[in-house]
Every structure is written in C-alpha cells, then in structure tokens.
Amino acid sequence: MVGLGARPDRSAAELTAAVEAALAEAGIPAAEVVALATVDRRAGEEGVRAVAAGRGWRLMSFAPEELRAHDVPNRSETVAAAVGTPGVAEAAALAAAGTGGTLILPKRVFGGVTVAVSTLPR
C-alpha cells in the first residue's frame, strides 16, 4: 500500500516521481502495490486519480478522523492544523493495509510530496 500526502493540485508527474522514488527506496516493485491511499480531500484531485489509474491501483480515501486513529512515527503539527490529522502518508498507508498492516517505509518527502509504504498483514 502506498500512502500519499501532498499540497493541493500537484501534477501527476510530480506525484508519480515521488511514488516511484519511495518504492525504489523500499525495494518494492510497483506491480506489487494494490492501492494508493490518501486523505479524502486529495483523492478527488486529477493528479492523484491519474497516478492510481495509470497503474491499475485502487484509490482509497480516508477522512481525517480515520487517519487520526493510526499512531504514526512522524507526526506534524503543521499538517494537523491544516488537515486535521498529524500525518497523512503514513496514516493512509496503515489505514489501507488494515489491522495488522506494517509500515515498511516511513514517510519520505520528495519535492513537497510525502509518501509512505505499508504491507498487508500476513
């Protein structure tokens, strides 16, 4: 699962570059990813939809309240004030993975786009 956080209206190219960099760092082939997850207000943006659709990934969106339920290692008060949850990428990756999912790549920031990667429970 790939969790994604970004400022509004990032292009598909910017988002794709960040996701590819994170997957490369994690050593995860894009073909093994099943979903792209983010906060609900980003899920409707063209760039985010294009990244998921272009790879055949399911696009999952979560309300800030749902994301707040996940304990994340890299909390941000700035993000909490702006979005209503102290983290988007890590929390979205964990929420998408479900109970027992594990964060394998904590958030990384690539040109203003934040990406985290989780695995499904085994």
Protein backbone atom coordinates (compact mmCIF):
# COMPACT_ATOMS: atom_id res chain seq x y z
CA MET A 1 0.00 0.00 0.00
CA VAL A 2 1.25 3.47 -0.83
CA GLY A 3 0.18 6.37 1.35
CA LEU A 4 0.35 9.81 -0.22
CA GLY A 5 0.27 13.31 1.19
CA ALA A 6 0.75 16.49 -0.81
CA ARG A 7 -0.20 20.10 -1.10
CA PRO A 8 -3.21 20.75 -3.31
CA ASP A 9 -3.14 20.29 -7.08
CA ARG A 10 0.21 18.59 -7.55
CA SER A 11 0.64 17.24 -11.05
CA ALA A 12 0.52 13.56 -11.89
CA ALA A 13 4.17 13.80 -12.95
CA GLU A 14 5.24 15.21 -9.56
CA LEU A 15 3.23 12.60 -7.67
CA THR A 16 4.46 9.77 -9.87
CA ALA A 17 8.10 10.77 -9.40
CA ALA A 18 7.65 10.80 -5.62
CA VAL A 19 5.86 7.44 -5.55
CA GLU A 20 8.47 5.83 -7.81
CA ALA A 21 11.31 7.17 -5.63
CA ALA A 22 9.68 5.82 -2.47
CA LEU A 23 9.04 2.40 -3.99
CA ALA A 24 12.63 2.23 -5.22
CA GLU A 25 13.90 3.09 -1.74
CA ALA A 26 11.65 0.44 -0.21
CA GLY A 27 12.67 -2.12 -2.83
CA ILE A 28 9.03 -2.73 -3.77
CA PRO A 29 8.10 -3.19 -7.44
CA ALA A 30 5.09 -1.10 -8.49
CA ALA A 31 3.43 -4.32 -9.67
CA GLU A 32 3.18 -5.47 -6.03
CA VAL A 33 1.22 -2.39 -4.96
CA VAL A 34 -2.54 -2.78 -4.81
CA ALA A 35 -3.68 0.65 -3.64
CA LEU A 36 -2.86 4.32 -3.35
CA ALA A 37 -4.29 5.86 -0.19
CA THR A 38 -4.68 9.48 0.86
CA VAL A 39 -6.86 11.90 2.78
CA ASP A 40 -10.32 12.36 1.31
CA ARG A 41 -9.74 15.94 0.17
CA ARG A 42 -6.84 14.83 -2.08
CA ALA A 43 -8.49 11.73 -3.54
CA GLY A 44 -10.60 13.79 -5.92
CA GLU A 45 -7.68 15.64 -7.45
CA GLU A 46 -6.79 14.88 -11.04
CA GLY A 47 -3.11 14.14 -10.36
CA VAL A 48 -3.87 11.66 -7.58
CA ARG A 49 -6.54 9.90 -9.63
CA ALA A 50 -4.16 9.72 -12.60
CA VAL A 51 -1.40 8.07 -10.56
CA ALA A 52 -3.73 5.34 -9.27
CA ALA A 53 -5.49 4.78 -12.59
CA GLY A 54 -2.26 4.75 -14.56
CA ARG A 55 -1.00 1.80 -12.55
CA GLY A 56 -4.26 -0.01 -12.08
CA TRP A 57 -4.19 0.63 -8.33
CA ARG A 58 -7.27 1.05 -6.23
CA LEU A 59 -7.63 4.61 -4.91
CA MET A 60 -8.57 4.65 -1.23
CA SER A 61 -9.52 7.80 0.64
CA PHE A 62 -9.88 8.36 4.36
CA ALA A 63 -11.39 11.14 6.40
CA PRO A 64 -9.02 12.94 8.79
CA GLU A 65 -10.83 11.26 11.71
CA GLU A 66 -9.97 7.83 10.30
CA LEU A 67 -6.33 8.80 9.79
CA ARG A 68 -6.05 10.16 13.34
CA ALA A 69 -6.85 6.68 14.64
CA HIS A 70 -3.44 5.46 13.46
CA ASP A 71 -0.32 6.03 15.51
CA VAL A 72 2.33 7.38 13.15
CA PRO A 73 6.05 7.73 13.88
CA ASN A 74 6.45 11.14 12.24
CA ARG A 75 3.77 13.50 13.50
CA SER A 76 3.46 17.05 12.16
CA GLU A 77 1.64 19.82 14.00
CA THR A 78 1.63 21.80 10.74
CA VAL A 79 -0.24 19.01 8.97
CA ALA A 80 -2.54 18.55 11.97
CA ALA A 81 -3.51 22.24 11.84
CA ALA A 82 -4.04 22.21 8.06
CA VAL A 83 -5.68 18.83 7.53
CA GLY A 84 -6.99 17.71 10.91
CA THR A 85 -4.66 14.75 11.35
CA PRO A 86 -0.98 14.74 12.40
CA GLY A 87 0.06 12.73 9.37
CA VAL A 88 -1.37 11.74 6.01
CA ALA A 89 1.04 9.47 4.11
CA GLU A 90 1.91 7.12 6.98
CA ALA A 91 -1.62 7.04 8.39
CA ALA A 92 -3.15 6.46 4.95
CA ALA A 93 -0.72 3.61 4.22
CA LEU A 94 -1.58 1.98 7.55
CA ALA A 95 -5.32 2.55 7.14
CA ALA A 96 -5.24 0.98 3.68
CA ALA A 97 -3.34 -2.05 4.96
CA GLY A 98 -5.89 -2.68 7.69
CA THR A 99 -5.43 -4.33 11.06
CA GLY A 100 -2.02 -5.94 11.27
CA GLY A 101 -0.54 -3.92 8.41
CA THR A 102 3.03 -2.76 8.87
CA LEU A 103 4.76 0.45 7.84
CA ILE A 104 7.85 -0.62 5.88
CA LEU A 105 8.88 2.81 4.64
CA PRO A 106 8.11 5.73 6.93
CA LYS A 107 7.25 8.96 5.23
CA ARG A 108 9.72 10.37 2.77
CA VAL A 109 9.40 13.80 1.23
CA PHE A 110 10.15 14.22 -2.46
CA GLY A 111 9.68 17.74 -3.79
CA GLY A 112 6.83 18.56 -1.46
CA VAL A 113 5.10 15.21 -1.90
CA THR A 114 5.08 12.83 1.07
CA VAL A 115 4.98 9.08 0.51
CA ALA A 116 4.94 6.09 2.89
CA VAL A 117 4.66 2.38 2.15
CA SER A 118 3.00 -0.38 4.15
CA THR A 119 2.42 -4.09 3.73
CA LEU A 120 -0.73 -6.09 4.19
CA PRO A 121 -0.96 -8.43 7.18
CA ARG A 122 0.24 -11.94 6.52
